C-alpha cells in the first residue's frame, strides 16, 4: 500500500469520526471525551512515526485540526438543518413537500455520480502526463529529426560583434 493511499485512509477515518461525533453532539450527546482521546492518539502515533521516519505523516496538522474542530462544525451545520426542518414541519403539512423533494433529488444525484465513478473504476485509470507510455516509433525506420551540429560561425544571436 502506498503512502498516499495510507494518508487517504487516515483522512477518511478522521473525517468519518468527526462526522459521527458531530451528529451525536447535534442530538445532545456529551461528546467532549470523544474528541480528546482520538486527538491524543493521533499526536502519539505521529510522534512515533516521526521517530521512525524523521518526518510527520502527510497532512498531519490538517488532520489534527479537523479532528478537533470538525465535530463542532458538523454539529453547527446539522443543528441548523434540524432547526430549519422543525420550523417547516411546524408550519403545516404542505410546507415540507419541497424540502423532502430536494433531499430525494440530492440523494438520487449522489447515487448517480457514485455509480458513474464505480463504472469508471473498472477501466484502466488515466495516467498523468509524466506516466504515459511513450509513442511507438514512426513508420519508415528513421526519424525526421536530426541532431543539430555545432557551428562556429557568427550569427545574429551571438554576443560577438
Foldseek 3Di string as FASTA:
>chain_A
DDLVVVVVVLLVVLLVLLLVLLVCVLVPDDCPVVLVVVLVVLVVVQVVVCVVPVHGRPPSVVSSVCSNCSSVVNSVVVNVVVVVVVVQVVVDDVSCPVVVVVVVVVVVVVVVVVVVVVVVVVDDDDDDPVPDDDDDDDPPPDDPDDDDDDDPDDDPPDPDD
